[in-house]
Amino acid sequence: MTQADVLAKLQTIFDDLFLEPVTLIPALTAKDVPEWDSLMHISLVVAVEKAFNVRFRVGEVEATRNVGEFADLIAKRTQER
């Protein structure tokens, strides 16, 4: 699964969770989206784990600096299955 594949699937998750439209690009961060607070972050991680059938280790998601790195982490986890 490529980063582009992951971003396309992530876009549907973001569309479902966020009230305002968010256009995903690799450089996007939580600071760029006013609605993306700590509770939304938890909801996002849970939705991603469910949609991609993956589990993240403690601290992995927090170590990513932007959506691109998060997509790369998701791709890595899907390949490990």
PDB file of N, CA and C in Angstrom:
ATOM      1  N   MET A   1       0.857  -1.177   0.000  1.00  0.00           N
ATOM      2  CA  MET A   1       0.000   0.000   0.000  1.00  0.00           C
ATOM      3  C   MET A   1       0.902   1.238   0.000  1.00  0.00           C
ATOM      4  N   THR A   2       0.686   2.117  -0.961  1.00  0.00           N
ATOM      5  CA  THR A   2       1.505   3.323  -1.064  1.00  0.00           C
ATOM      6  C   THR A   2       0.946   4.438  -0.190  1.00  0.00           C
ATOM      7  N   GLN A   3       1.745   5.478  -0.019  1.00  0.00           N
ATOM      8  CA  GLN A   3       1.278   6.630   0.750  1.00  0.00           C
ATOM      9  C   GLN A   3       0.033   7.224   0.102  1.00  0.00           C
ATOM     10  N   ALA A   4      -0.005   7.278  -1.222  1.00  0.00           N
ATOM     11  CA  ALA A   4      -1.172   7.818  -1.934  1.00  0.00           C
ATOM     12  C   ALA A   4      -2.423   6.974  -1.665  1.00  0.00           C
ATOM     13  N   ASP A   5      -2.263   5.646  -1.625  1.00  0.00           N
ATOM     14  CA  ASP A   5      -3.385   4.754  -1.321  1.00  0.00           C
ATOM     15  C   ASP A   5      -3.911   5.022   0.089  1.00  0.00           C
ATOM     16  N   VAL A   6      -2.986   5.145   1.018  1.00  0.00           N
ATOM     17  CA  VAL A   6      -3.362   5.395   2.414  1.00  0.00           C
ATOM     18  C   VAL A   6      -4.049   6.754   2.532  1.00  0.00           C
ATOM     19  N   LEU A   7      -3.495   7.773   1.883  1.00  0.00           N
ATOM     20  CA  LEU A   7      -4.101   9.111   1.949  1.00  0.00           C
ATOM     21  C   LEU A   7      -5.515   9.112   1.389  1.00  0.00           C
ATOM     22  N   ALA A   8      -5.751   8.365   0.324  1.00  0.00           N
ATOM     23  CA  ALA A   8      -7.093   8.303  -0.255  1.00  0.00           C
ATOM     24  C   ALA A   8      -8.085   7.696   0.741  1.00  0.00           C
ATOM     25  N   LYS A   9      -7.671   6.635   1.408  1.00  0.00           N
ATOM     26  CA  LYS A   9      -8.545   6.007   2.409  1.00  0.00           C
ATOM     27  C   LYS A   9      -8.683   6.893   3.642  1.00  0.00           C
ATOM     28  N   LEU A  10      -7.592   7.552   4.023  1.00  0.00           N
ATOM     29  CA  LEU A  10      -7.645   8.487   5.151  1.00  0.00           C
ATOM     30  C   LEU A  10      -8.601   9.634   4.873  1.00  0.00           C
ATOM     31  N   GLN A  11      -8.659  10.082   3.628  1.00  0.00           N
ATOM     32  CA  GLN A  11      -9.534  11.197   3.279  1.00  0.00           C
ATOM     33  C   GLN A  11     -10.987  10.872   3.627  1.00  0.00           C
ATOM     34  N   THR A  12     -11.408   9.629   3.376  1.00  0.00           N
ATOM     35  CA  THR A  12     -12.789   9.255   3.706  1.00  0.00           C
ATOM     36  C   THR A  12     -13.011   9.260   5.218  1.00  0.00           C
ATOM     37  N   ILE A  13     -11.991   8.862   5.969  1.00  0.00           N
ATOM     38  CA  ILE A  13     -12.101   8.875   7.434  1.00  0.00           C
ATOM     39  C   ILE A  13     -12.211  10.315   7.929  1.00  0.00           C
ATOM     40  N   PHE A  14     -11.371  11.193   7.406  1.00  0.00           N
ATOM     41  CA  PHE A  14     -11.431  12.604   7.782  1.00  0.00           C
ATOM     42  C   PHE A  14     -12.781  13.204   7.405  1.00  0.00           C
ATOM     43  N   ASP A  15     -13.286  12.848   6.238  1.00  0.00           N
ATOM     44  CA  ASP A  15     -14.584  13.359   5.795  1.00  0.00           C
ATOM     45  C   ASP A  15     -15.702  12.939   6.745  1.00  0.00           C
ATOM     46  N   ASP A  16     -15.606  11.729   7.291  1.00  0.00           N
ATOM     47  CA  ASP A  16     -16.617  11.235   8.226  1.00  0.00           C
ATOM     48  C   ASP A  16     -16.514  11.882   9.600  1.00  0.00           C
ATOM     49  N   LEU A  17     -15.289  12.173  10.052  1.00  0.00           N
ATOM     50  CA  LEU A  17     -15.086  12.662  11.420  1.00  0.00           C
ATOM     51  C   LEU A  17     -15.196  14.176  11.574  1.00  0.00           C
ATOM     52  N   PHE A  18     -14.650  14.922  10.620  1.00  0.00           N
ATOM     53  CA  PHE A  18     -14.581  16.369  10.757  1.00  0.00           C
ATOM     54  C   PHE A  18     -15.810  17.036  10.153  1.00  0.00           C
ATOM     55  N   LEU A  19     -16.316  18.071  10.813  1.00  0.00           N
ATOM     56  CA  LEU A  19     -17.474  18.804  10.307  1.00  0.00           C
ATOM     57  C   LEU A  19     -17.109  19.658   9.102  1.00  0.00           C
ATOM     58  N   GLU A  20     -15.960  20.314   9.173  1.00  0.00           N
ATOM     59  CA  GLU A  20     -15.474  21.143   8.070  1.00  0.00           C
ATOM     60  C   GLU A  20     -14.597  20.295   7.159  1.00  0.00           C
ATOM     61  N   PRO A  21     -14.672  20.502   5.848  1.00  0.00           N
ATOM     62  CA  PRO A  21     -13.832  19.718   4.936  1.00  0.00           C
ATOM     63  C   PRO A  21     -12.339  19.929   5.196  1.00  0.00           C
ATOM     64  N   VAL A  22     -11.602  18.837   5.161  1.00  0.00           N
ATOM     65  CA  VAL A  22     -10.154  18.864   5.333  1.00  0.00           C
ATOM     66  C   VAL A  22      -9.549  18.181   4.115  1.00  0.00           C
ATOM     67  N   THR A  23      -8.716  18.910   3.381  1.00  0.00           N
ATOM     68  CA  THR A  23      -8.036  18.330   2.231  1.00  0.00           C
ATOM     69  C   THR A  23      -6.690  17.806   2.696  1.00  0.00           C
ATOM     70  N   LEU A  24      -6.519  16.497   2.597  1.00  0.00           N
ATOM     71  CA  LEU A  24      -5.290  15.892   3.084  1.00  0.00           C
ATOM     72  C   LEU A  24      -4.148  16.066   2.096  1.00  0.00           C
ATOM     73  N   ILE A  25      -3.050  16.541   2.616  1.00  0.00           N
ATOM     74  CA  ILE A  25      -1.774  16.595   1.905  1.00  0.00           C
ATOM     75  C   ILE A  25      -0.731  16.081   2.885  1.00  0.00           C
ATOM     76  N   PRO A  26       0.373  15.538   2.407  1.00  0.00           N
ATOM     77  CA  PRO A  26       1.370  14.976   3.323  1.00  0.00           C
ATOM     78  C   PRO A  26       1.873  15.947   4.389  1.00  0.00           C
ATOM     79  N   ALA A  27       1.946  17.230   4.096  1.00  0.00           N
ATOM     80  CA  ALA A  27       2.500  18.201   5.039  1.00  0.00           C
ATOM     81  C   ALA A  27       1.491  18.687   6.081  1.00  0.00           C
ATOM     82  N   LEU A  28       0.229  18.276   5.984  1.00  0.00           N
ATOM     83  CA  LEU A  28      -0.817  18.739   6.902  1.00  0.00           C
ATOM     84  C   LEU A  28      -0.528  18.281   8.326  1.00  0.00           C
ATOM     85  N   THR A  29      -0.735  19.183   9.293  1.00  0.00           N
ATOM     86  CA  THR A  29      -0.585  18.850  10.709  1.00  0.00           C
ATOM     87  C   THR A  29      -1.866  19.209  11.450  1.00  0.00           C
ATOM     88  N   ALA A  30      -1.977  18.738  12.676  1.00  0.00           N
ATOM     89  CA  ALA A  30      -3.148  19.051  13.501  1.00  0.00           C
ATOM     90  C   ALA A  30      -3.284  20.553  13.709  1.00  0.00           C
ATOM     91  N   LYS A  31      -2.172  21.250  13.755  1.00  0.00           N
ATOM     92  CA  LYS A  31      -2.203  22.706  13.950  1.00  0.00           C
ATOM     93  C   LYS A  31      -2.863  23.428  12.782  1.00  0.00           C
ATOM     94  N   ASP A  32      -2.900  22.782  11.613  1.00  0.00           N
ATOM     95  CA  ASP A  32      -3.495  23.379  10.422  1.00  0.00           C
ATOM     96  C   ASP A  32      -5.014  23.265  10.390  1.00  0.00           C
ATOM     97  N   VAL A  33      -5.579  22.453  11.283  1.00  0.00           N
ATOM     98  CA  VAL A  33      -7.020  22.181  11.276  1.00  0.00           C
ATOM     99  C   VAL A  33      -7.603  22.585  12.635  1.00  0.00           C
ATOM    100  N   PRO A  34      -8.363  23.688  12.690  1.00  0.00           N
ATOM    101  CA  PRO A  34      -8.885  24.179  13.970  1.00  0.00           C
ATOM    102  C   PRO A  34      -9.684  23.133  14.764  1.00  0.00           C
ATOM    103  N   GLU A  35     -10.392  22.279  14.094  1.00  0.00           N
ATOM    104  CA  GLU A  35     -11.240  21.281  14.744  1.00  0.00           C
ATOM    105  C   GLU A  35     -10.450  20.092  15.311  1.00  0.00           C
ATOM    106  N   TRP A  36      -9.175  19.959  14.941  1.00  0.00           N
ATOM    107  CA  TRP A  36      -8.362  18.805  15.320  1.00  0.00           C
ATOM    108  C   TRP A  36      -7.758  19.015  16.705  1.00  0.00           C
ATOM    109  N   ASP A  37      -8.517  18.648  17.717  1.00  0.00           N
ATOM    110  CA  ASP A  37      -8.041  18.765  19.096  1.00  0.00           C
ATOM    111  C   ASP A  37      -7.696  17.368  19.625  1.00  0.00           C
ATOM    112  N   SER A  38      -7.412  17.264  20.906  1.00  0.00           N
ATOM    113  CA  SER A  38      -6.974  15.985  21.468  1.00  0.00           C
ATOM    114  C   SER A  38      -8.066  14.915  21.395  1.00  0.00           C
ATOM    115  N   LEU A  39      -9.318  15.300  21.602  1.00  0.00           N
ATOM    116  CA  LEU A  39     -10.399  14.317  21.512  1.00  0.00           C
ATOM    117  C   LEU A  39     -10.596  13.842  20.080  1.00  0.00           C
ATOM    118  N   MET A  40     -10.484  14.764  19.128  1.00  0.00           N
ATOM    119  CA  MET A  40     -10.599  14.394  17.723  1.00  0.00           C
ATOM    120  C   MET A  40      -9.442  13.485  17.325  1.00  0.00           C
ATOM    121  N   HIS A  41      -8.282  13.755  17.900  1.00  0.00           N
ATOM    122  CA  HIS A  41      -7.100  12.933  17.597  1.00  0.00           C
ATOM    123  C   HIS A  41      -7.329  11.483  18.024  1.00  0.00           C
ATOM    124  N   ILE A  42      -7.886  11.295  19.203  1.00  0.00           N
ATOM    125  CA  ILE A  42      -8.182   9.954  19.692  1.00  0.00           C
ATOM    126  C   ILE A  42      -9.206   9.277  18.781  1.00  0.00           C
ATOM    127  N   SER A  43     -10.237   9.999  18.413  1.00  0.00           N
ATOM    128  CA  SER A  43     -11.258   9.451  17.510  1.00  0.00           C
ATOM    129  C   SER A  43     -10.651   9.066  16.171  1.00  0.00           C
ATOM    130  N   LEU A  44      -9.749   9.894  15.689  1.00  0.00           N
ATOM    131  CA  LEU A  44      -9.090   9.637  14.415  1.00  0.00           C
ATOM    132  C   LEU A  44      -8.239   8.366  14.483  1.00  0.00           C
ATOM    133  N   VAL A  45      -7.458   8.222  15.534  1.00  0.00           N
ATOM    134  CA  VAL A  45      -6.597   7.037  15.683  1.00  0.00           C
ATOM    135  C   VAL A  45      -7.445   5.773  15.780  1.00  0.00           C
ATOM    136  N   VAL A  46      -8.522   5.831  16.545  1.00  0.00           N
ATOM    137  CA  VAL A  46      -9.401   4.665  16.684  1.00  0.00           C
ATOM    138  C   VAL A  46     -10.033   4.317  15.331  1.00  0.00           C
ATOM    139  N   ALA A  47     -10.496   5.311  14.607  1.00  0.00           N
ATOM    140  CA  ALA A  47     -11.104   5.075  13.293  1.00  0.00           C
ATOM    141  C   ALA A  47     -10.090   4.501  12.307  1.00  0.00           C
ATOM    142  N   VAL A  48      -8.859   4.985  12.360  1.00  0.00           N
ATOM    143  CA  VAL A  48      -7.808   4.490  11.466  1.00  0.00           C
ATOM    144  C   VAL A  48      -7.471   3.044  11.802  1.00  0.00           C
ATOM    145  N   GLU A  49      -7.343   2.743  13.087  1.00  0.00           N
ATOM    146  CA  GLU A  49      -7.043   1.362  13.477  1.00  0.00           C
ATOM    147  C   GLU A  49      -8.136   0.414  12.984  1.00  0.00           C
ATOM    148  N   LYS A  50      -9.371   0.843  13.095  1.00  0.00           N
ATOM    149  CA  LYS A  50     -10.485   0.005  12.662  1.00  0.00           C
ATOM    150  C   LYS A  50     -10.524  -0.119  11.133  1.00  0.00           C
ATOM    151  N   ALA A  51     -10.387   0.988  10.424  1.00  0.00           N
ATOM    152  CA  ALA A  51     -10.487   0.983   8.958  1.00  0.00           C
ATOM    153  C   ALA A  51      -9.359   0.212   8.286  1.00  0.00           C
ATOM    154  N   PHE A  52      -8.158   0.316   8.848  1.00  0.00           N
ATOM    155  CA  PHE A  52      -6.996  -0.337   8.241  1.00  0.00           C
ATOM    156  C   PHE A  52      -6.660  -1.673   8.908  1.00  0.00           C
ATOM    157  N   ASN A  53      -7.410  -2.014   9.965  1.00  0.00           N
ATOM    158  CA  ASN A  53      -7.173  -3.255  10.704  1.00  0.00           C
ATOM    159  C   ASN A  53      -5.723  -3.327  11.193  1.00  0.00           C
ATOM    160  N   VAL A  54      -5.298  -2.254  11.856  1.00  0.00           N
ATOM    161  CA  VAL A  54      -3.945  -2.178  12.412  1.00  0.00           C
ATOM    162  C   VAL A  54      -4.024  -1.741  13.866  1.00  0.00           C
ATOM    163  N   ARG A  55      -2.921  -1.910  14.570  1.00  0.00           N
ATOM    164  CA  ARG A  55      -2.776  -1.408  15.939  1.00  0.00           C
ATOM    165  C   ARG A  55      -1.467  -0.649  16.017  1.00  0.00           C
ATOM    166  N   PHE A  56      -1.493   0.473  16.707  1.00  0.00           N
ATOM    167  CA  PHE A  56      -0.281   1.263  16.868  1.00  0.00           C
ATOM    168  C   PHE A  56       0.300   1.020  18.248  1.00  0.00           C
ATOM    169  N   ARG A  57       1.610   1.069  18.315  1.00  0.00           N
ATOM    170  CA  ARG A  57       2.300   0.955  19.603  1.00  0.00           C
ATOM    171  C   ARG A  57       2.231   2.297  20.318  1.00  0.00           C
ATOM    172  N   VAL A  58       2.411   2.263  21.615  1.00  0.00           N
ATOM    173  CA  VAL A  58       2.377   3.481  22.420  1.00  0.00           C
ATOM    174  C   VAL A  58       3.428   4.469  21.906  1.00  0.00           C
ATOM    175  N   GLY A  59       3.011   5.689  21.629  1.00  0.00           N
ATOM    176  CA  GLY A  59       3.922   6.744  21.213  1.00  0.00           C
ATOM    177  C   GLY A  59       4.195   6.816  19.726  1.00  0.00           C
ATOM    178  N   GLU A  60       3.803   5.798  18.958  1.00  0.00           N
ATOM    179  CA  GLU A  60       4.088   5.800  17.522  1.00  0.00           C
ATOM    180  C   GLU A  60       3.381   6.938  16.792  1.00  0.00           C
ATOM    181  N   VAL A  61       2.103   7.083  17.030  1.00  0.00           N
ATOM    182  CA  VAL A  61       1.335   8.111  16.325  1.00  0.00           C
ATOM    183  C   VAL A  61       1.826   9.500  16.730  1.00  0.00           C
ATOM    184  N   GLU A  62       2.103   9.686  18.004  1.00  0.00           N
ATOM    185  CA  GLU A  62       2.579  10.984  18.482  1.00  0.00           C
ATOM    186  C   GLU A  62       3.930  11.349  17.896  1.00  0.00           C
ATOM    187  N   ALA A  63       4.694  10.350  17.491  1.00  0.00           N
ATOM    188  CA  ALA A  63       6.019  10.604  16.915  1.00  0.00           C
ATOM    189  C   ALA A  63       5.942  11.094  15.467  1.00  0.00           C
ATOM    190  N   THR A  64       4.782  10.924  14.832  1.00  0.00           N
ATOM    191  CA  THR A  64       4.642  11.404  13.464  1.00  0.00           C
ATOM    192  C   THR A  64       4.416  12.907  13.491  1.00  0.00           C
ATOM    193  N   ARG A  65       5.039  13.614  12.547  1.00  0.00           N
ATOM    194  CA  ARG A  65       4.961  15.075  12.538  1.00  0.00           C
ATOM    195  C   ARG A  65       3.890  15.627  11.615  1.00  0.00           C
ATOM    196  N   ASN A  66       3.380  14.797  10.701  1.00  0.00           N
ATOM    197  CA  ASN A  66       2.369  15.278   9.757  1.00  0.00           C
ATOM    198  C   ASN A  66       1.597  14.092   9.195  1.00  0.00           C
ATOM    199  N   VAL A  67       0.609  14.388   8.373  1.00  0.00           N
ATOM    200  CA  VAL A  67      -0.242  13.342   7.807  1.00  0.00           C
ATOM    201  C   VAL A  67       0.567  12.389   6.917  1.00  0.00           C
ATOM    202  N   GLY A  68       1.559  12.891   6.221  1.00  0.00           N
ATOM    203  CA  GLY A  68       2.391  12.044   5.376  1.00  0.00           C
ATOM    204  C   GLY A  68       3.123  10.986   6.186  1.00  0.00           C
ATOM    205  N   GLU A  69       3.704  11.394   7.308  1.00  0.00           N
ATOM    206  CA  GLU A  69       4.394  10.427   8.170  1.00  0.00           C
ATOM    207  C   GLU A  69       3.405   9.447   8.793  1.00  0.00           C
ATOM    208  N   PHE A  70       2.211   9.936   9.129  1.00  0.00           N
ATOM    209  CA  PHE A  70       1.169   9.070   9.666  1.00  0.00           C
ATOM    210  C   PHE A  70       0.754   8.040   8.608  1.00  0.00           C
ATOM    211  N   ALA A  71       0.604   8.483   7.368  1.00  0.00           N
ATOM    212  CA  ALA A  71       0.260   7.569   6.273  1.00  0.00           C
ATOM    213  C   ALA A  71       1.354   6.526   6.079  1.00  0.00           C
ATOM    214  N   ASP A  72       2.602   6.938   6.181  1.00  0.00           N
ATOM    215  CA  ASP A  72       3.715   5.989   6.059  1.00  0.00           C
ATOM    216  C   ASP A  72       3.680   4.954   7.183  1.00  0.00           C
ATOM    217  N   LEU A  73       3.348   5.396   8.392  1.00  0.00           N
ATOM    218  CA  LEU A  73       3.236   4.479   9.528  1.00  0.00           C
ATOM    219  C   LEU A  73       2.104   3.482   9.294  1.00  0.00           C
ATOM    220  N   ILE A  74       0.976   3.957   8.786  1.00  0.00           N
ATOM    221  CA  ILE A  74      -0.154   3.071   8.490  1.00  0.00           C
ATOM    222  C   ILE A  74       0.259   2.040   7.442  1.00  0.00           C
ATOM    223  N   ALA A  75       0.928   2.496   6.390  1.00  0.00           N
ATOM    224  CA  ALA A  75       1.381   1.575   5.336  1.00  0.00           C
ATOM    225  C   ALA A  75       2.324   0.521   5.919  1.00  0.00           C
ATOM    226  N   LYS A  76       3.219   0.943   6.794  1.00  0.00           N
ATOM    227  CA  LYS A  76       4.152   0.018   7.432  1.00  0.00           C
ATOM    228  C   LYS A  76       3.395  -1.030   8.252  1.00  0.00           C
ATOM    229  N   ARG A  77       2.413  -0.580   9.030  1.00  0.00           N
ATOM    230  CA  ARG A  77       1.642  -1.504   9.856  1.00  0.00           C
ATOM    231  C   ARG A  77       0.829  -2.489   8.988  1.00  0.00           C
ATOM    232  N   THR A  78       0.281  -2.031   7.872  1.00  0.00           N
ATOM    233  CA  THR A  78      -0.508  -2.926   7.024  1.00  0.00           C
ATOM    234  C   THR A  78       0.372  -3.988   6.373  1.00  0.00           C
ATOM    235  N   GLN A  79       1.625  -3.654   6.118  1.00  0.00           N
ATOM    236  CA  GLN A  79       2.543  -4.629   5.516  1.00  0.00           C
ATOM    237  C   GLN A  79       3.000  -5.678   6.522  1.00  0.00           C
ATOM    238  N   GLU A  80       2.926  -5.343   7.794  1.00  0.00           N
ATOM    239  CA  GLU A  80       3.361  -6.274   8.851  1.00  0.00           C
ATOM    240  C   GLU A  80       2.333  -7.362   9.149  1.00  0.00           C
ATOM    241  N   ARG A  81       1.129  -7.188   8.656  1.00  0.00           N
ATOM    242  CA  ARG A  81       0.076  -8.185   8.937  1.00  0.00           C
ATOM    243  C   ARG A  81       0.345  -9.472   8.228  1.00  0.00           C
TER     244      ARG A  81
END
